[in-house]
Amino acid sequence: MERYLTFALGKGRLAKKTLEMLETIGISCEEMKDKTSRKLVFVNEPLKLRFFLAKGPDVPTYVEYGAADIGVVGKDTILEEGRRVYEVLDLGFGKCKMCVCGPKEGENLLKRHEFIRVGTKYPHIAKDYFFNKKHQTVDIIKLNGSIELAPIVGLSEVIVDIVETGSTLRENGLFVLEEVCDLSARMIVNQVSMKMEFLRIKELIEGLKRIL
């Protein structure tokens, strides 16, 4: 009796792109296309696959605890959540960068390793960057939205945030001062599933690699 392989997909654009990608290698889930459906878990019975949508930050949690075998989520979430999972594939979409941003005068504060305040939605990533890579002591302030506001109203000298085009920054007189890391959508796998379902998961990864 073959067990189901379960996918946890980050809600929104990420899930949409992932499903399109899976379709090109012959994996589809018709149930998910029904926009009126109230279902939470969608099944592809012939292929013994299950799918569910979750908030990005929860995806690595579902995967670490084995509620999902496979997850698709942004690299920023993987780094921030720090869960015990295997990252197996860079899916190449959702490309952007994690950056330190701020007004021009922030540049000197960073160069001189001054004690500054950093506003961010990603305290773990910010901490790792400043403390472990730059060896700069900073005060990290966790925010939940509109991070650009922090330096403008004087809550922080700089911010650590995701930059796609940089237009929001420019509109607010802010600049990318330093790049922290490259980001994109990644596939993660539960550590036990990787052993138990090795062949099925390997076949899936190989299939995706071919189209990437």
N, C-alpha and C. Protein backbone atom coordinates (compact mmCIF):
# COMPACT_ATOMS: atom_id res chain seq x y z
N MET A 1 0.86 -1.20 0.00
CA MET A 1 0.00 0.00 0.00
C MET A 1 0.89 1.24 0.00
N GLU A 2 0.84 1.96 -1.11
CA GLU A 2 1.69 3.15 -1.24
C GLU A 2 1.11 4.30 -0.42
N ARG A 3 1.98 4.96 0.35
CA ARG A 3 1.46 6.09 1.14
C ARG A 3 1.47 7.36 0.29
N TYR A 4 0.71 8.34 0.74
CA TYR A 4 0.67 9.62 0.03
C TYR A 4 1.94 10.42 0.27
N LEU A 5 2.40 11.10 -0.76
CA LEU A 5 3.45 12.11 -0.57
C LEU A 5 2.72 13.43 -0.42
N THR A 6 3.03 14.17 0.63
CA THR A 6 2.30 15.40 0.90
C THR A 6 3.15 16.63 0.68
N PHE A 7 2.58 17.58 -0.05
CA PHE A 7 3.25 18.85 -0.36
C PHE A 7 2.62 19.98 0.44
N ALA A 8 3.45 20.81 1.06
CA ALA A 8 2.97 22.06 1.67
C ALA A 8 3.48 23.20 0.78
N LEU A 9 2.57 24.00 0.26
CA LEU A 9 2.96 25.09 -0.63
C LEU A 9 2.66 26.45 0.00
N GLY A 10 3.62 27.35 -0.11
CA GLY A 10 3.41 28.72 0.38
C GLY A 10 2.30 29.38 -0.42
N LYS A 11 1.29 29.89 0.27
CA LYS A 11 0.12 30.51 -0.39
C LYS A 11 0.50 31.61 -1.37
N GLY A 12 -0.35 31.80 -2.39
CA GLY A 12 -0.17 32.92 -3.31
C GLY A 12 0.63 32.58 -4.55
N ARG A 13 1.44 33.55 -4.98
CA ARG A 13 2.22 33.40 -6.21
C ARG A 13 3.08 32.14 -6.22
N LEU A 14 3.65 31.85 -5.05
CA LEU A 14 4.56 30.71 -4.90
C LEU A 14 3.86 29.40 -5.26
N ALA A 15 2.66 29.22 -4.71
CA ALA A 15 1.90 27.99 -4.96
C ALA A 15 1.52 27.91 -6.44
N LYS A 16 1.10 29.04 -6.98
CA LYS A 16 0.66 29.08 -8.38
C LYS A 16 1.81 28.66 -9.31
N LYS A 17 2.98 29.26 -9.10
CA LYS A 17 4.15 28.95 -9.93
C LYS A 17 4.58 27.48 -9.75
N THR A 18 4.53 27.00 -8.51
CA THR A 18 4.95 25.63 -8.23
C THR A 18 4.03 24.65 -8.95
N LEU A 19 2.72 24.89 -8.88
CA LEU A 19 1.77 23.99 -9.53
C LEU A 19 1.94 23.99 -11.05
N GLU A 20 2.23 25.17 -11.61
CA GLU A 20 2.49 25.25 -13.05
C GLU A 20 3.71 24.42 -13.42
N MET A 21 4.73 24.52 -12.56
CA MET A 21 5.97 23.79 -12.79
C MET A 21 5.76 22.28 -12.69
N LEU A 22 4.98 21.86 -11.69
CA LEU A 22 4.70 20.43 -11.51
C LEU A 22 3.90 19.89 -12.69
N GLU A 23 3.00 20.71 -13.23
CA GLU A 23 2.21 20.27 -14.38
C GLU A 23 3.08 19.93 -15.58
N THR A 24 4.16 20.69 -15.76
CA THR A 24 5.04 20.42 -16.90
C THR A 24 5.74 19.07 -16.78
N ILE A 25 5.80 18.52 -15.56
CA ILE A 25 6.39 17.17 -15.44
C ILE A 25 5.30 16.13 -15.16
N GLY A 26 4.06 16.50 -15.50
CA GLY A 26 2.97 15.52 -15.42
C GLY A 26 2.31 15.36 -14.07
N ILE A 27 2.57 16.28 -13.17
CA ILE A 27 1.91 16.20 -11.86
C ILE A 27 0.91 17.33 -11.75
N SER A 28 -0.39 16.96 -11.71
CA SER A 28 -1.38 18.02 -11.60
C SER A 28 -2.32 17.71 -10.45
N CYS A 29 -3.03 18.73 -10.02
CA CYS A 29 -4.04 18.50 -9.00
C CYS A 29 -5.28 19.29 -9.40
N GLU A 30 -6.20 18.59 -10.07
CA GLU A 30 -7.40 19.23 -10.60
C GLU A 30 -8.23 19.89 -9.50
N GLU A 31 -8.30 19.23 -8.36
CA GLU A 31 -9.11 19.75 -7.24
C GLU A 31 -8.71 21.18 -6.85
N MET A 32 -7.43 21.48 -7.01
CA MET A 32 -6.95 22.79 -6.58
C MET A 32 -7.40 23.91 -7.51
N LYS A 33 -7.81 23.53 -8.71
CA LYS A 33 -8.20 24.54 -9.70
C LYS A 33 -9.62 25.05 -9.45
N ASP A 34 -10.35 24.34 -8.61
CA ASP A 34 -11.71 24.76 -8.29
C ASP A 34 -11.66 25.90 -7.27
N LYS A 35 -11.87 27.11 -7.77
CA LYS A 35 -11.73 28.30 -6.93
C LYS A 35 -12.81 28.39 -5.84
N THR A 36 -13.93 27.64 -6.03
CA THR A 36 -15.03 27.73 -5.06
C THR A 36 -14.84 26.73 -3.92
N SER A 37 -13.87 25.83 -4.09
CA SER A 37 -13.68 24.76 -3.10
C SER A 37 -13.30 25.30 -1.72
N ARG A 38 -13.89 24.69 -0.70
CA ARG A 38 -13.58 25.07 0.68
C ARG A 38 -12.59 24.07 1.30
N LYS A 39 -12.16 23.12 0.49
CA LYS A 39 -11.26 22.08 1.00
C LYS A 39 -9.93 22.66 1.44
N LEU A 40 -9.30 22.02 2.38
CA LEU A 40 -7.99 22.45 2.86
C LEU A 40 -6.89 21.54 2.32
N VAL A 41 -7.25 20.28 2.07
CA VAL A 41 -6.26 19.33 1.54
C VAL A 41 -6.79 18.77 0.23
N PHE A 42 -5.93 18.82 -0.79
CA PHE A 42 -6.33 18.40 -2.14
C PHE A 42 -5.55 17.14 -2.51
N VAL A 43 -6.25 16.22 -3.18
CA VAL A 43 -5.64 14.91 -3.45
C VAL A 43 -5.58 14.60 -4.94
N ASN A 44 -4.44 14.01 -5.34
CA ASN A 44 -4.36 13.41 -6.67
C ASN A 44 -4.26 11.91 -6.40
N GLU A 45 -5.42 11.24 -6.51
CA GLU A 45 -5.53 9.83 -6.11
C GLU A 45 -4.62 8.90 -6.94
N PRO A 46 -4.66 9.00 -8.30
CA PRO A 46 -3.83 8.08 -9.09
C PRO A 46 -2.34 8.15 -8.73
N LEU A 47 -1.83 9.38 -8.47
CA LEU A 47 -0.40 9.52 -8.18
C LEU A 47 -0.10 9.45 -6.68
N LYS A 48 -1.14 9.27 -5.87
CA LYS A 48 -0.98 9.21 -4.41
C LYS A 48 -0.24 10.45 -3.88
N LEU A 49 -0.77 11.61 -4.26
CA LEU A 49 -0.18 12.87 -3.79
C LEU A 49 -1.24 13.71 -3.10
N ARG A 50 -0.78 14.43 -2.07
CA ARG A 50 -1.69 15.36 -1.39
C ARG A 50 -1.03 16.73 -1.36
N PHE A 51 -1.87 17.76 -1.45
CA PHE A 51 -1.35 19.14 -1.43
C PHE A 51 -2.13 19.96 -0.44
N PHE A 52 -1.45 20.85 0.28
CA PHE A 52 -2.19 21.86 1.03
C PHE A 52 -1.43 23.18 1.00
N LEU A 53 -2.17 24.27 1.19
CA LEU A 53 -1.58 25.60 1.17
C LEU A 53 -1.38 26.07 2.60
N ALA A 54 -0.27 26.73 2.84
CA ALA A 54 0.01 27.23 4.18
C ALA A 54 0.66 28.60 4.08
N LYS A 55 0.62 29.35 5.16
CA LYS A 55 1.33 30.62 5.20
C LYS A 55 2.82 30.32 5.11
N GLY A 56 3.55 31.11 4.30
CA GLY A 56 4.97 30.89 4.08
C GLY A 56 5.76 30.44 5.31
N PRO A 57 5.75 31.22 6.40
CA PRO A 57 6.57 30.88 7.57
C PRO A 57 6.21 29.54 8.21
N ASP A 58 4.99 29.03 7.92
CA ASP A 58 4.59 27.74 8.51
C ASP A 58 5.07 26.54 7.70
N VAL A 59 5.41 26.77 6.43
CA VAL A 59 5.78 25.64 5.56
C VAL A 59 6.95 24.83 6.12
N PRO A 60 8.09 25.47 6.53
CA PRO A 60 9.19 24.68 7.07
C PRO A 60 8.81 23.92 8.35
N THR A 61 7.85 24.44 9.11
CA THR A 61 7.39 23.77 10.33
C THR A 61 6.65 22.49 9.97
N TYR A 62 5.72 22.58 9.01
CA TYR A 62 5.00 21.38 8.56
C TYR A 62 5.98 20.32 8.06
N VAL A 63 7.01 20.78 7.34
CA VAL A 63 7.98 19.83 6.77
C VAL A 63 8.87 19.23 7.87
N GLU A 64 9.36 20.06 8.78
CA GLU A 64 10.23 19.52 9.85
C GLU A 64 9.51 18.45 10.65
N TYR A 65 8.24 18.69 10.98
CA TYR A 65 7.50 17.74 11.82
C TYR A 65 6.86 16.60 11.04
N GLY A 66 7.07 16.58 9.72
CA GLY A 66 6.60 15.44 8.94
C GLY A 66 5.12 15.50 8.56
N ALA A 67 4.45 16.63 8.82
CA ALA A 67 3.06 16.77 8.38
C ALA A 67 3.03 16.93 6.86
N ALA A 68 4.16 17.38 6.31
CA ALA A 68 4.33 17.41 4.86
C ALA A 68 5.69 16.78 4.57
N ASP A 69 5.78 16.04 3.47
CA ASP A 69 7.06 15.44 3.07
C ASP A 69 7.92 16.48 2.37
N ILE A 70 7.23 17.31 1.57
CA ILE A 70 7.91 18.27 0.70
C ILE A 70 7.27 19.64 0.88
N GLY A 71 8.09 20.68 0.85
CA GLY A 71 7.55 22.04 0.93
C GLY A 71 8.18 22.92 -0.13
N VAL A 72 7.46 23.95 -0.52
CA VAL A 72 8.03 24.95 -1.42
C VAL A 72 7.83 26.31 -0.77
N VAL A 73 8.95 27.01 -0.58
CA VAL A 73 8.90 28.27 0.15
C VAL A 73 10.12 29.12 -0.21
N GLY A 74 10.05 30.41 0.08
CA GLY A 74 11.17 31.30 -0.23
C GLY A 74 12.37 31.03 0.66
N LYS A 75 13.56 31.27 0.11
CA LYS A 75 14.81 31.08 0.88
C LYS A 75 14.83 31.96 2.13
N ASP A 76 14.22 33.15 2.04
CA ASP A 76 14.16 34.04 3.20
C ASP A 76 13.47 33.35 4.39
N THR A 77 12.37 32.63 4.09
CA THR A 77 11.62 31.93 5.14
C THR A 77 12.44 30.78 5.72
N ILE A 78 13.16 30.06 4.85
CA ILE A 78 13.99 28.94 5.32
C ILE A 78 15.05 29.46 6.28
N LEU A 79 15.71 30.56 5.91
CA LEU A 79 16.76 31.13 6.75
C LEU A 79 16.18 31.67 8.06
N GLU A 80 15.04 32.34 7.95
CA GLU A 80 14.46 32.97 9.14
C GLU A 80 13.92 31.95 10.13
N GLU A 81 13.30 30.89 9.61
CA GLU A 81 12.67 29.90 10.49
C GLU A 81 13.67 28.91 11.09
N GLY A 82 14.76 28.67 10.35
CA GLY A 82 15.82 27.79 10.85
C GLY A 82 15.37 26.40 11.25
N ARG A 83 14.47 25.82 10.49
CA ARG A 83 13.97 24.47 10.80
C ARG A 83 14.92 23.39 10.29
N ARG A 84 14.81 22.19 10.88
CA ARG A 84 15.65 21.07 10.43
C ARG A 84 14.99 20.40 9.24
N VAL A 85 15.39 20.83 8.04
CA VAL A 85 14.85 20.26 6.80
C VAL A 85 16.01 20.19 5.80
N TYR A 86 15.83 19.39 4.76
CA TYR A 86 16.82 19.37 3.67
C TYR A 86 16.35 20.34 2.59
N GLU A 87 17.24 21.22 2.17
CA GLU A 87 16.92 22.08 1.02
C GLU A 87 17.50 21.37 -0.20
N VAL A 88 16.62 20.97 -1.13
CA VAL A 88 17.07 20.10 -2.21
C VAL A 88 17.14 20.76 -3.59
N LEU A 89 16.42 21.88 -3.77
CA LEU A 89 16.36 22.44 -5.12
C LEU A 89 16.03 23.93 -5.11
N ASP A 90 16.76 24.65 -5.94
CA ASP A 90 16.45 26.06 -6.17
C ASP A 90 15.53 26.10 -7.38
N LEU A 91 14.29 26.51 -7.19
CA LEU A 91 13.31 26.48 -8.28
C LEU A 91 13.44 27.66 -9.23
N GLY A 92 14.27 28.62 -8.87
CA GLY A 92 14.63 29.68 -9.82
C GLY A 92 13.61 30.80 -10.03
N PHE A 93 12.43 30.70 -9.42
CA PHE A 93 11.50 31.83 -9.57
C PHE A 93 11.41 32.58 -8.23
N GLY A 94 10.75 33.74 -8.26
CA GLY A 94 10.67 34.55 -7.05
C GLY A 94 12.03 35.11 -6.65
N LYS A 95 12.85 35.38 -7.66
CA LYS A 95 14.21 35.88 -7.39
C LYS A 95 14.19 37.30 -6.83
N CYS A 96 14.95 37.50 -5.76
CA CYS A 96 15.12 38.83 -5.18
C CYS A 96 16.32 38.78 -4.24
N LYS A 97 16.59 39.86 -3.54
CA LYS A 97 17.75 39.89 -2.64
C LYS A 97 17.33 40.39 -1.27
N MET A 98 18.02 39.88 -0.25
CA MET A 98 17.87 40.43 1.10
C MET A 98 18.96 41.48 1.23
N CYS A 99 18.57 42.69 1.61
CA CYS A 99 19.54 43.80 1.64
C CYS A 99 19.43 44.63 2.91
N VAL A 100 20.53 45.32 3.19
CA VAL A 100 20.51 46.36 4.22
C VAL A 100 20.23 47.66 3.47
N CYS A 101 19.18 48.36 3.85
CA CYS A 101 18.79 49.58 3.16
C CYS A 101 18.66 50.73 4.14
N GLY A 102 18.75 51.93 3.59
CA GLY A 102 18.59 53.10 4.45
C GLY A 102 18.91 54.36 3.67
N PRO A 103 18.90 55.50 4.34
CA PRO A 103 19.29 56.74 3.66
C PRO A 103 20.80 56.71 3.41
N LYS A 104 21.27 57.54 2.48
CA LYS A 104 22.70 57.57 2.12
C LYS A 104 23.63 57.64 3.33
N GLU A 105 23.25 58.45 4.35
CA GLU A 105 24.16 58.61 5.51
C GLU A 105 24.33 57.32 6.31
N GLY A 106 23.48 56.35 6.04
CA GLY A 106 23.61 55.06 6.71
C GLY A 106 24.88 54.33 6.31
N GLU A 107 25.38 54.67 5.11
CA GLU A 107 26.58 54.02 4.57
C GLU A 107 27.78 54.14 5.51
N ASN A 108 28.01 55.36 6.02
CA ASN A 108 29.15 55.58 6.91
C ASN A 108 28.99 54.85 8.24
N LEU A 109 27.76 54.80 8.75
CA LEU A 109 27.51 54.11 10.02
C LEU A 109 27.84 52.62 9.87
N LEU A 110 27.54 52.07 8.70
CA LEU A 110 27.83 50.66 8.44
C LEU A 110 29.34 50.45 8.29
N LYS A 111 29.99 51.34 7.56
CA LYS A 111 31.44 51.24 7.35
C LYS A 111 32.20 51.34 8.67
N ARG A 112 31.75 52.24 9.53
CA ARG A 112 32.46 52.46 10.80
C ARG A 112 32.03 51.49 11.90
N HIS A 113 31.16 50.53 11.51
CA HIS A 113 30.68 49.54 12.48
C HIS A 113 30.09 50.19 13.74
N GLU A 114 29.32 51.25 13.53
CA GLU A 114 28.72 51.94 14.68
C GLU A 114 27.57 51.12 15.25
N PHE A 115 27.24 51.41 16.50
CA PHE A 115 26.09 50.75 17.13
C PHE A 115 24.83 51.42 16.58
N ILE A 116 24.08 50.70 15.76
CA ILE A 116 22.88 51.28 15.14
C ILE A 116 21.67 50.40 15.39
N ARG A 117 20.51 50.97 15.10
CA ARG A 117 19.27 50.19 15.21
C ARG A 117 18.87 49.71 13.81
N VAL A 118 18.41 48.47 13.76
CA VAL A 118 18.04 47.85 12.49
C VAL A 118 16.59 47.39 12.56
N GLY A 119 15.75 47.95 11.70
CA GLY A 119 14.35 47.53 11.65
C GLY A 119 14.19 46.40 10.64
N THR A 120 13.46 45.34 11.00
CA THR A 120 13.34 44.22 10.05
C THR A 120 12.21 43.27 10.42
N LYS A 121 11.71 42.59 9.38
CA LYS A 121 10.74 41.50 9.55
C LYS A 121 11.50 40.20 9.80
N TYR A 122 12.82 40.25 9.59
CA TYR A 122 13.65 39.04 9.61
C TYR A 122 14.76 39.14 10.66
N PRO A 123 14.41 39.10 11.95
CA PRO A 123 15.42 39.30 13.00
C PRO A 123 16.56 38.27 12.98
N HIS A 124 16.24 37.02 12.63
CA HIS A 124 17.30 35.99 12.62
C HIS A 124 18.32 36.24 11.52
N ILE A 125 17.80 36.57 10.33
CA ILE A 125 18.69 36.84 9.20
C ILE A 125 19.54 38.08 9.50
N ALA A 126 18.91 39.11 10.05
CA ALA A 126 19.62 40.35 10.37
C ALA A 126 20.70 40.11 11.42
N LYS A 127 20.34 39.35 12.42
CA LYS A 127 21.28 39.05 13.52
C LYS A 127 22.49 38.28 12.99
N ASP A 128 22.21 37.25 12.20
CA ASP A 128 23.28 36.44 11.65
C ASP A 128 24.22 37.30 10.80
N TYR A 129 23.64 38.18 10.00
CA TYR A 129 24.45 39.01 9.12
C TYR A 129 25.32 39.98 9.91
N PHE A 130 24.73 40.73 10.82
CA PHE A 130 25.50 41.73 11.56
C PHE A 130 26.45 41.12 12.59
N PHE A 131 25.97 40.13 13.34
CA PHE A 131 26.79 39.58 14.42
C PHE A 131 27.85 38.60 13.91
N ASN A 132 27.44 37.70 12.99
CA ASN A 132 28.37 36.64 12.58
C ASN A 132 29.20 36.97 11.34
N LYS A 133 28.64 37.73 10.41
CA LYS A 133 29.40 38.02 9.19
C LYS A 133 30.15 39.35 9.28
N LYS A 134 29.49 40.37 9.84
CA LYS A 134 30.12 41.68 9.91
C LYS A 134 30.78 41.99 11.25
N HIS A 135 30.43 41.19 12.26
CA HIS A 135 30.93 41.43 13.62
C HIS A 135 30.66 42.87 14.06
N GLN A 136 29.40 43.28 13.82
CA GLN A 136 28.97 44.62 14.20
C GLN A 136 27.82 44.46 15.20
N THR A 137 27.93 45.13 16.33
CA THR A 137 26.86 45.04 17.33
C THR A 137 25.76 46.04 16.97
N VAL A 138 24.53 45.53 16.86
CA VAL A 138 23.41 46.38 16.50
C VAL A 138 22.22 46.04 17.38
N ASP A 139 21.25 46.94 17.38
CA ASP A 139 20.01 46.70 18.10
C ASP A 139 18.96 46.33 17.05
N ILE A 140 18.45 45.10 17.11
CA ILE A 140 17.51 44.65 16.08
C ILE A 140 16.07 44.82 16.56
N ILE A 141 15.30 45.54 15.77
CA ILE A 141 13.91 45.83 16.12
C ILE A 141 12.99 45.08 15.17
N LYS A 142 12.21 44.15 15.70
CA LYS A 142 11.32 43.33 14.88
C LYS A 142 10.05 44.11 14.51
N LEU A 143 9.79 44.18 13.22
CA LEU A 143 8.58 44.84 12.72
C LEU A 143 7.78 43.85 11.87
N ASN A 144 6.52 44.16 11.66
CA ASN A 144 5.69 43.24 10.88
C ASN A 144 5.28 43.74 9.50
N GLY A 145 5.45 45.01 9.25
CA GLY A 145 5.06 45.52 7.92
C GLY A 145 5.60 46.92 7.69
N SER A 146 5.50 47.39 6.45
CA SER A 146 6.00 48.73 6.06
C SER A 146 7.34 49.05 6.69
N ILE A 147 8.30 48.18 6.45
CA ILE A 147 9.62 48.31 7.05
C ILE A 147 10.29 49.63 6.66
N GLU A 148 10.00 50.11 5.42
CA GLU A 148 10.63 51.35 4.93
C GLU A 148 10.35 52.54 5.85
N LEU A 149 9.26 52.44 6.59
CA LEU A 149 8.87 53.53 7.47
C LEU A 149 9.89 53.76 8.59
N ALA A 150 10.53 52.69 9.04
CA ALA A 150 11.40 52.77 10.23
C ALA A 150 12.48 53.85 10.15
N PRO A 151 13.30 53.88 9.06
CA PRO A 151 14.32 54.93 9.01
C PRO A 151 13.73 56.32 8.74
N ILE A 152 12.58 56.37 8.08
CA ILE A 152 11.98 57.66 7.74
C ILE A 152 11.48 58.38 9.00
N VAL A 153 10.90 57.60 9.92
CA VAL A 153 10.37 58.23 11.15
C VAL A 153 11.36 58.17 12.31
N GLY A 154 12.56 57.64 12.03
CA GLY A 154 13.60 57.64 13.06
C GLY A 154 13.55 56.51 14.06
N LEU A 155 12.85 55.43 13.71
CA LEU A 155 12.85 54.26 14.60
C LEU A 155 14.18 53.51 14.50
N SER A 156 14.74 53.50 13.28
CA SER A 156 16.02 52.81 13.09
C SER A 156 16.86 53.57 12.06
N GLU A 157 18.17 53.30 12.07
CA GLU A 157 19.05 53.94 11.09
C GLU A 157 18.96 53.22 9.74
N VAL A 158 18.85 51.89 9.80
CA VAL A 158 18.76 51.09 8.56
C VAL A 158 17.69 50.01 8.74
N ILE A 159 17.39 49.34 7.63
CA ILE A 159 16.47 48.19 7.67
C ILE A 159 17.12 47.01 6.96
N VAL A 160 16.66 45.80 7.27
CA VAL A 160 17.04 44.61 6.50
C VAL A 160 15.75 44.10 5.91
N ASP A 161 15.67 44.08 4.58
CA ASP A 161 14.42 43.70 3.93
C ASP A 161 14.67 43.10 2.55
N ILE A 162 13.61 42.51 2.00
CA ILE A 162 13.68 41.94 0.66
C ILE A 162 13.55 43.06 -0.37
N VAL A 163 14.44 43.04 -1.36
CA VAL A 163 14.37 44.04 -2.43
C VAL A 163 14.17 43.31 -3.75
N GLU A 164 13.07 43.67 -4.46
CA GLU A 164 12.84 43.09 -5.78
C GLU A 164 13.29 44.07 -6.84
N THR A 165 12.61 45.20 -6.93
CA THR A 165 12.98 46.19 -7.95
C THR A 165 13.65 47.41 -7.32
N GLY A 166 13.35 47.66 -6.05
CA GLY A 166 13.94 48.81 -5.38
C GLY A 166 13.15 50.09 -5.57
N SER A 167 11.99 50.00 -6.27
CA SER A 167 11.23 51.22 -6.54
C SER A 167 10.61 51.83 -5.27
N THR A 168 10.14 50.97 -4.36
CA THR A 168 9.58 51.48 -3.09
C THR A 168 10.64 52.22 -2.30
N LEU A 169 11.85 51.67 -2.32
CA LEU A 169 12.97 52.32 -1.62
C LEU A 169 13.22 53.71 -2.20
N ARG A 170 13.39 53.75 -3.53
CA ARG A 170 13.71 55.02 -4.20
C ARG A 170 12.63 56.08 -3.95
N GLU A 171 11.39 55.64 -4.00
CA GLU A 171 10.29 56.58 -3.77
C GLU A 171 10.37 57.21 -2.39
N ASN A 172 10.99 56.49 -1.46
CA ASN A 172 11.08 56.98 -0.08
C ASN A 172 12.47 57.48 0.30
N GLY A 173 13.30 57.71 -0.74
CA GLY A 173 14.64 58.26 -0.50
C GLY A 173 15.58 57.31 0.20
N LEU A 174 15.36 56.01 0.01
CA LEU A 174 16.23 55.00 0.62
C LEU A 174 17.02 54.27 -0.46
N PHE A 175 18.14 53.68 -0.05
CA PHE A 175 19.04 53.00 -1.00
C PHE A 175 19.46 51.64 -0.46
N VAL A 176 19.86 50.77 -1.39
CA VAL A 176 20.47 49.51 -0.96
C VAL A 176 21.89 49.85 -0.55
N LEU A 177 22.23 49.57 0.70
CA LEU A 177 23.57 49.90 1.20
C LEU A 177 24.48 48.68 1.20
N GLU A 178 23.93 47.52 1.48
CA GLU A 178 24.70 46.27 1.46
C GLU A 178 23.78 45.12 1.07
N GLU A 179 24.35 44.13 0.37
CA GLU A 179 23.55 42.95 0.02
C GLU A 179 23.84 41.83 1.01
N VAL A 180 22.79 41.22 1.52
CA VAL A 180 22.95 40.15 2.51
C VAL A 180 23.03 38.79 1.81
N CYS A 181 22.02 38.49 0.97
CA CYS A 181 22.05 37.22 0.23
C CYS A 181 21.01 37.22 -0.90
N ASP A 182 21.18 36.26 -1.82
CA ASP A 182 20.21 36.07 -2.91
C ASP A 182 19.08 35.18 -2.43
N LEU A 183 17.89 35.46 -2.91
CA LEU A 183 16.72 34.67 -2.51
C LEU A 183 15.97 34.17 -3.74
N SER A 184 15.27 33.06 -3.57
CA SER A 184 14.37 32.54 -4.60
C SER A 184 13.57 31.41 -3.95
N ALA A 185 12.63 30.85 -4.72
CA ALA A 185 11.82 29.74 -4.19
C ALA A 185 12.67 28.47 -4.13
N ARG A 186 12.55 27.75 -3.01
CA ARG A 186 13.32 26.51 -2.84
C ARG A 186 12.38 25.36 -2.48
N MET A 187 12.83 24.15 -2.81
CA MET A 187 12.10 22.96 -2.40
C MET A 187 12.81 22.36 -1.19
N ILE A 188 12.03 22.07 -0.16
CA ILE A 188 12.60 21.46 1.05
C ILE A 188 11.94 20.11 1.29
N VAL A 189 12.68 19.22 1.97
CA VAL A 189 12.17 17.87 2.20
C VAL A 189 12.38 17.48 3.67
N ASN A 190 11.40 16.77 4.21
CA ASN A 190 11.51 16.24 5.57
C ASN A 190 12.65 15.22 5.63
N GLN A 191 13.41 15.26 6.71
CA GLN A 191 14.62 14.42 6.78
C GLN A 191 14.30 12.92 6.80
N VAL A 192 13.21 12.53 7.43
CA VAL A 192 12.84 11.11 7.47
C VAL A 192 12.26 10.68 6.12
N SER A 193 11.42 11.54 5.55
CA SER A 193 10.82 11.23 4.23
C SER A 193 11.91 11.00 3.18
N MET A 194 12.99 11.79 3.31
CA MET A 194 14.09 11.68 2.34
C MET A 194 14.65 10.26 2.32
N LYS A 195 14.68 9.62 3.49
CA LYS A 195 15.18 8.23 3.56
C LYS A 195 14.08 7.24 3.15
N MET A 196 12.88 7.41 3.72
CA MET A 196 11.79 6.45 3.51
C MET A 196 11.26 6.48 2.07
N GLU A 197 11.20 7.67 1.50
CA GLU A 197 10.59 7.82 0.17
C GLU A 197 11.64 8.27 -0.84
N PHE A 198 12.87 7.83 -0.63
CA PHE A 198 13.99 8.35 -1.42
C PHE A 198 13.75 8.30 -2.92
N LEU A 199 13.30 7.14 -3.42
CA LEU A 199 13.16 6.98 -4.88
C LEU A 199 12.10 7.90 -5.46
N ARG A 200 10.96 7.99 -4.79
CA ARG A 200 9.88 8.85 -5.30
C ARG A 200 10.31 10.33 -5.29
N ILE A 201 10.96 10.72 -4.21
CA ILE A 201 11.38 12.12 -4.10
C ILE A 201 12.50 12.43 -5.08
N LYS A 202 13.42 11.47 -5.23
CA LYS A 202 14.54 11.67 -6.16
C LYS A 202 14.01 11.83 -7.60
N GLU A 203 13.04 11.00 -7.94
CA GLU A 203 12.44 11.05 -9.29
C GLU A 203 11.80 12.43 -9.53
N LEU A 204 11.13 12.92 -8.52
CA LEU A 204 10.49 14.24 -8.61
C LEU A 204 11.53 15.34 -8.81
N ILE A 205 12.60 15.28 -8.01
CA ILE A 205 13.67 16.29 -8.10
C ILE A 205 14.33 16.23 -9.48
N GLU A 206 14.62 15.01 -9.95
CA GLU A 206 15.25 14.84 -11.27
C GLU A 206 14.36 15.42 -12.36
N GLY A 207 13.05 15.16 -12.26
CA GLY A 207 12.09 15.68 -13.24
C GLY A 207 12.11 17.19 -13.29
N LEU A 208 12.13 17.81 -12.12
CA LEU A 208 12.14 19.28 -12.05
C LEU A 208 13.47 19.84 -12.55
N LYS A 209 14.56 19.13 -12.23
CA LYS A 209 15.89 19.58 -12.68
C LYS A 209 15.95 19.63 -14.20
N ARG A 210 15.30 18.68 -14.85
CA ARG A 210 15.32 18.63 -16.31
C ARG A 210 14.67 19.86 -16.92
N ILE A 211 13.60 20.34 -16.29
CA ILE A 211 12.93 21.52 -16.89
C ILE A 211 13.59 22.83 -16.43
N LEU A 212 14.36 22.76 -15.35
CA LEU A 212 15.05 23.97 -14.90
C LEU A 212 16.30 24.19 -15.76
